[in-house]
Amino acid sequence: MKEGDFTRFAGCRISRTLEVHDQAGKLIIKPARKNVQTFLGHVRDMGKANKQTTAGPLIAQLNPVIRGWANYHRHVVSKVTFNQVDTAIFKSLWSWATRRHPKKSRRWVAKKYFRTHQGRPWTFVGTYAHHQGSPQELALFRAGDVPMQRHVKIKGTANP
């Protein structure tokens, strides 16, 4: 594989960096653009399908999808992609919120749906009532909060 060449496999884009000063290049694995766009399209479709629901049930539907996608891609170089995904989801939810309240100001919409939650400003928050309990406040999960996990290379002497 030469510099600039890439392969797509399992929703990831695999490429190699250029060799520098007789050192081997690095293998870079990122979430594929097509995979990211498909995921964001799915999130937007969930928002469009739930135009009438309140914020709490929408968050309850979105959180497992976002968490699952982020956990799948946490082993590759994806921190920048996660932050871009969070921005795109924020824009989608902003559109959802302003559509629900067309006659209200942007400040009112921001105060109602986007609050400071656990020290983080602009968090999409809603109230969700479980089947057998009191309502509780739910916050949208952010893909950027998923810690990256790197694989440790196995030493040759450790293998039989």
C-alpha atoms as a PDB file:
ATOM      1  CA  MET A   1       0.000   0.000   0.000  1.00  0.00           C
ATOM      2  CA  LYS A   2       1.481   3.345  -1.061  1.00  0.00           C
ATOM      3  CA  GLU A   3       0.900   6.829   0.323  1.00  0.00           C
ATOM      4  CA  GLY A   4      -2.531   8.040  -0.724  1.00  0.00           C
ATOM      5  CA  ASP A   5      -3.936   4.548  -1.298  1.00  0.00           C
ATOM      6  CA  PHE A   6      -6.711   3.405   0.969  1.00  0.00           C
ATOM      7  CA  THR A   7      -9.036   0.488   1.467  1.00  0.00           C
ATOM      8  CA  ARG A   8     -12.472   0.336   3.045  1.00  0.00           C
ATOM      9  CA  PHE A   9     -13.272  -2.556   5.341  1.00  0.00           C
ATOM     10  CA  ALA A  10     -15.948  -3.021   8.041  1.00  0.00           C
ATOM     11  CA  GLY A  11     -16.997   0.639   7.973  1.00  0.00           C
ATOM     12  CA  CYS A  12     -13.417   1.886   8.259  1.00  0.00           C
ATOM     13  CA  ARG A  13     -10.955   3.597   5.928  1.00  0.00           C
ATOM     14  CA  ILE A  14      -7.504   2.036   6.106  1.00  0.00           C
ATOM     15  CA  SER A  15      -4.517   4.017   4.781  1.00  0.00           C
ATOM     16  CA  ARG A  16      -0.782   4.305   5.338  1.00  0.00           C
ATOM     17  CA  THR A  17       1.322   7.406   5.973  1.00  0.00           C
ATOM     18  CA  LEU A  18       4.518   8.154   4.087  1.00  0.00           C
ATOM     19  CA  GLU A  19       7.783   6.632   5.244  1.00  0.00           C
ATOM     20  CA  VAL A  20      10.121   9.230   6.766  1.00  0.00           C
ATOM     21  CA  HIS A  21      13.909   8.873   7.342  1.00  0.00           C
ATOM     22  CA  ASP A  22      14.027   5.095   6.884  1.00  0.00           C
ATOM     23  CA  GLN A  23      11.201   4.559   9.362  1.00  0.00           C
ATOM     24  CA  ALA A  24       8.121   2.636   8.370  1.00  0.00           C
ATOM     25  CA  GLY A  25       4.963   4.651   7.805  1.00  0.00           C
ATOM     26  CA  LYS A  26       2.028   4.339  10.161  1.00  0.00           C
ATOM     27  CA  LEU A  27      -1.176   2.507   9.455  1.00  0.00           C
ATOM     28  CA  ILE A  28      -4.135   4.884   9.904  1.00  0.00           C
ATOM     29  CA  ILE A  29      -7.621   3.447  10.387  1.00  0.00           C
ATOM     30  CA  LYS A  30     -10.544   5.897  10.534  1.00  0.00           C
ATOM     31  CA  PRO A  31     -14.324   5.575  10.284  1.00  0.00           C
ATOM     32  CA  ALA A  32     -15.233   5.659   6.579  1.00  0.00           C
ATOM     33  CA  ARG A  33     -16.975   8.809   5.359  1.00  0.00           C
ATOM     34  CA  LYS A  34     -19.777   6.725   3.886  1.00  0.00           C
ATOM     35  CA  ASN A  35     -20.270   4.989   7.242  1.00  0.00           C
ATOM     36  CA  VAL A  36     -20.403   8.345   9.061  1.00  0.00           C
ATOM     37  CA  GLN A  37     -22.902   9.760   6.552  1.00  0.00           C
ATOM     38  CA  THR A  38     -25.099   6.659   6.816  1.00  0.00           C
ATOM     39  CA  PHE A  39     -25.061   6.907  10.605  1.00  0.00           C
ATOM     40  CA  LEU A  40     -25.923  10.626  10.567  1.00  0.00           C
ATOM     41  CA  GLY A  41     -28.705   9.963   8.064  1.00  0.00           C
ATOM     42  CA  HIS A  42     -30.135   7.374  10.442  1.00  0.00           C
ATOM     43  CA  VAL A  43     -29.993   9.846  13.341  1.00  0.00           C
ATOM     44  CA  ARG A  44     -31.714  12.538  11.240  1.00  0.00           C
ATOM     45  CA  ASP A  45     -34.400  10.057  10.181  1.00  0.00           C
ATOM     46  CA  MET A  46     -35.064   9.266  13.845  1.00  0.00           C
ATOM     47  CA  GLY A  47     -35.555  12.989  14.496  1.00  0.00           C
ATOM     48  CA  LYS A  48     -37.888  13.335  11.516  1.00  0.00           C
ATOM     49  CA  ALA A  49     -39.891  10.284  12.570  1.00  0.00           C
ATOM     50  CA  ASN A  50     -40.341  11.742  16.061  1.00  0.00           C
ATOM     51  CA  LYS A  51     -41.430  15.286  15.230  1.00  0.00           C
ATOM     52  CA  GLN A  52     -44.315  15.117  17.689  1.00  0.00           C
ATOM     53  CA  THR A  53     -42.526  13.449  20.621  1.00  0.00           C
ATOM     54  CA  THR A  54     -40.977  15.345  23.487  1.00  0.00           C
ATOM     55  CA  ALA A  55     -37.243  15.563  24.070  1.00  0.00           C
ATOM     56  CA  GLY A  56     -37.061  12.770  26.670  1.00  0.00           C
ATOM     57  CA  PRO A  57     -38.327   9.890  24.500  1.00  0.00           C
ATOM     58  CA  LEU A  58     -36.243  11.149  21.576  1.00  0.00           C
ATOM     59  CA  ILE A  59     -33.123  11.071  23.742  1.00  0.00           C
ATOM     60  CA  ALA A  60     -34.067   7.584  24.975  1.00  0.00           C
ATOM     61  CA  GLN A  61     -34.134   6.417  21.343  1.00  0.00           C
ATOM     62  CA  LEU A  62     -30.973   8.227  20.232  1.00  0.00           C
ATOM     63  CA  ASN A  63     -28.653   7.355  23.131  1.00  0.00           C
ATOM     64  CA  PRO A  64     -28.268   3.608  22.441  1.00  0.00           C
ATOM     65  CA  VAL A  65     -27.698   4.255  18.722  1.00  0.00           C
ATOM     66  CA  ILE A  66     -25.012   6.892  19.333  1.00  0.00           C
ATOM     67  CA  ARG A  67     -23.356   4.856  22.107  1.00  0.00           C
ATOM     68  CA  GLY A  68     -23.271   1.698  19.990  1.00  0.00           C
ATOM     69  CA  TRP A  69     -21.799   3.429  16.937  1.00  0.00           C
ATOM     70  CA  ALA A  70     -19.167   5.205  19.030  1.00  0.00           C
ATOM     71  CA  ASN A  71     -18.187   2.023  20.879  1.00  0.00           C
ATOM     72  CA  TYR A  72     -17.779   0.204  17.566  1.00  0.00           C
ATOM     73  CA  HIS A  73     -15.363   2.866  16.285  1.00  0.00           C
ATOM     74  CA  ARG A  74     -13.476   3.605  19.516  1.00  0.00           C
ATOM     75  CA  HIS A  75     -10.551   1.340  18.588  1.00  0.00           C
ATOM     76  CA  VAL A  76      -9.548   3.396  15.545  1.00  0.00           C
ATOM     77  CA  VAL A  77      -8.391   6.998  14.995  1.00  0.00           C
ATOM     78  CA  SER A  78     -11.783   8.613  15.485  1.00  0.00           C
ATOM     79  CA  LYS A  79     -11.706  11.433  18.035  1.00  0.00           C
ATOM     80  CA  VAL A  80     -11.995  14.190  15.412  1.00  0.00           C
ATOM     81  CA  THR A  81     -14.733  12.238  13.635  1.00  0.00           C
ATOM     82  CA  PHE A  82     -16.620  11.832  16.919  1.00  0.00           C
ATOM     83  CA  ASN A  83     -16.555  15.588  17.500  1.00  0.00           C
ATOM     84  CA  GLN A  84     -17.764  16.209  13.944  1.00  0.00           C
ATOM     85  CA  VAL A  85     -20.590  13.709  14.500  1.00  0.00           C
ATOM     86  CA  ASP A  86     -21.555  15.463  17.739  1.00  0.00           C
ATOM     87  CA  THR A  87     -21.709  18.795  15.884  1.00  0.00           C
ATOM     88  CA  ALA A  88     -23.904  17.321  13.135  1.00  0.00           C
ATOM     89  CA  ILE A  89     -26.243  15.756  15.712  1.00  0.00           C
ATOM     90  CA  PHE A  90     -26.457  19.097  17.550  1.00  0.00           C
ATOM     91  CA  LYS A  91     -27.480  20.852  14.305  1.00  0.00           C
ATOM     92  CA  SER A  92     -30.090  18.186  13.623  1.00  0.00           C
ATOM     93  CA  LEU A  93     -31.536  18.493  17.130  1.00  0.00           C
ATOM     94  CA  TRP A  94     -31.514  22.286  16.897  1.00  0.00           C
ATOM     95  CA  SER A  95     -33.616  21.997  13.731  1.00  0.00           C
ATOM     96  CA  TRP A  96     -35.932  19.559  15.525  1.00  0.00           C
ATOM     97  CA  ALA A  97     -36.351  21.940  18.476  1.00  0.00           C
ATOM     98  CA  THR A  98     -36.937  25.087  16.399  1.00  0.00           C
ATOM     99  CA  ARG A  99     -39.456  23.219  14.238  1.00  0.00           C
ATOM    100  CA  ARG A 100     -41.441  22.290  17.347  1.00  0.00           C
ATOM    101  CA  HIS A 101     -41.620  25.927  18.466  1.00  0.00           C
ATOM    102  CA  PRO A 102     -41.648  28.144  15.352  1.00  0.00           C
ATOM    103  CA  LYS A 103     -43.021  31.205  17.150  1.00  0.00           C
ATOM    104  CA  LYS A 104     -40.552  31.114  20.023  1.00  0.00           C
ATOM    105  CA  SER A 105     -37.178  32.846  20.011  1.00  0.00           C
ATOM    106  CA  ARG A 106     -33.887  31.005  19.642  1.00  0.00           C
ATOM    107  CA  ARG A 107     -33.001  31.984  23.199  1.00  0.00           C
ATOM    108  CA  TRP A 108     -36.218  30.398  24.505  1.00  0.00           C
ATOM    109  CA  VAL A 109     -35.543  27.184  22.555  1.00  0.00           C
ATOM    110  CA  ALA A 110     -31.968  27.066  23.852  1.00  0.00           C
ATOM    111  CA  LYS A 111     -33.124  27.577  27.441  1.00  0.00           C
ATOM    112  CA  LYS A 112     -35.794  24.860  27.160  1.00  0.00           C
ATOM    113  CA  TYR A 113     -33.814  22.093  25.441  1.00  0.00           C
ATOM    114  CA  PHE A 114     -30.093  22.867  25.759  1.00  0.00           C
ATOM    115  CA  ARG A 115     -28.919  23.274  29.322  1.00  0.00           C
ATOM    116  CA  THR A 116     -25.776  22.856  31.361  1.00  0.00           C
ATOM    117  CA  HIS A 117     -25.725  19.235  32.504  1.00  0.00           C
ATOM    118  CA  GLN A 118     -22.962  17.988  34.815  1.00  0.00           C
ATOM    119  CA  GLY A 119     -20.824  21.019  34.052  1.00  0.00           C
ATOM    120  CA  ARG A 120     -21.156  20.785  30.270  1.00  0.00           C
ATOM    121  CA  PRO A 121     -23.075  23.606  28.558  1.00  0.00           C
ATOM    122  CA  TRP A 122     -25.340  23.118  25.527  1.00  0.00           C
ATOM    123  CA  THR A 123     -26.386  19.579  26.402  1.00  0.00           C
ATOM    124  CA  PHE A 124     -29.663  18.376  24.893  1.00  0.00           C
ATOM    125  CA  VAL A 125     -31.777  17.448  27.924  1.00  0.00           C
ATOM    126  CA  GLY A 126     -35.293  16.115  28.355  1.00  0.00           C
ATOM    127  CA  THR A 127     -37.520  14.407  30.906  1.00  0.00           C
ATOM    128  CA  TYR A 128     -38.379  10.762  30.402  1.00  0.00           C
ATOM    129  CA  ALA A 129     -40.877   8.746  32.461  1.00  0.00           C
ATOM    130  CA  HIS A 130     -40.155   5.030  32.707  1.00  0.00           C
ATOM    131  CA  HIS A 131     -43.003   2.530  32.866  1.00  0.00           C
ATOM    132  CA  GLN A 132     -42.783   2.074  36.638  1.00  0.00           C
ATOM    133  CA  GLY A 133     -41.151   5.090  38.115  1.00  0.00           C
ATOM    134  CA  SER A 134     -40.901   8.769  38.487  1.00  0.00           C
ATOM    135  CA  PRO A 135     -39.744  10.914  35.585  1.00  0.00           C
ATOM    136  CA  GLN A 136     -36.039  11.465  35.344  1.00  0.00           C
ATOM    137  CA  GLU A 137     -33.894  13.851  33.368  1.00  0.00           C
ATOM    138  CA  LEU A 138     -32.017  12.350  30.423  1.00  0.00           C
ATOM    139  CA  ALA A 139     -29.110  13.963  28.610  1.00  0.00           C
ATOM    140  CA  LEU A 140     -28.001  13.144  25.100  1.00  0.00           C
ATOM    141  CA  PHE A 141     -24.933  10.921  24.924  1.00  0.00           C
ATOM    142  CA  ARG A 142     -21.982  12.472  23.109  1.00  0.00           C
ATOM    143  CA  ALA A 143     -19.771  10.335  20.910  1.00  0.00           C
ATOM    144  CA  GLY A 144     -16.792  12.526  21.847  1.00  0.00           C
ATOM    145  CA  ASP A 145     -17.050  11.261  25.435  1.00  0.00           C
ATOM    146  CA  VAL A 146     -16.116   7.713  24.443  1.00  0.00           C
ATOM    147  CA  PRO A 147     -12.512   7.034  25.473  1.00  0.00           C
ATOM    148  CA  MET A 148     -10.201   5.727  22.765  1.00  0.00           C
ATOM    149  CA  GLN A 149      -8.830   2.229  23.362  1.00  0.00           C
ATOM    150  CA  ARG A 150      -5.610   1.218  21.659  1.00  0.00           C
ATOM    151  CA  HIS A 151      -4.572  -2.363  21.143  1.00  0.00           C
ATOM    152  CA  VAL A 152      -1.363  -3.415  22.856  1.00  0.00           C
ATOM    153  CA  LYS A 153       1.009  -5.240  20.543  1.00  0.00           C
ATOM    154  CA  ILE A 154       1.751  -8.748  21.757  1.00  0.00           C
ATOM    155  CA  LYS A 155       5.421  -9.428  22.333  1.00  0.00           C
ATOM    156  CA  GLY A 156       6.871 -12.230  20.218  1.00  0.00           C
ATOM    157  CA  THR A 157       8.511 -13.795  23.258  1.00  0.00           C
ATOM    158  CA  ALA A 158       5.152 -14.030  25.030  1.00  0.00           C
ATOM    159  CA  ASN A 159       3.715 -16.328  22.355  1.00  0.00           C
ATOM    160  CA  PRO A 160       4.488 -20.049  22.453  1.00  0.00           C
END
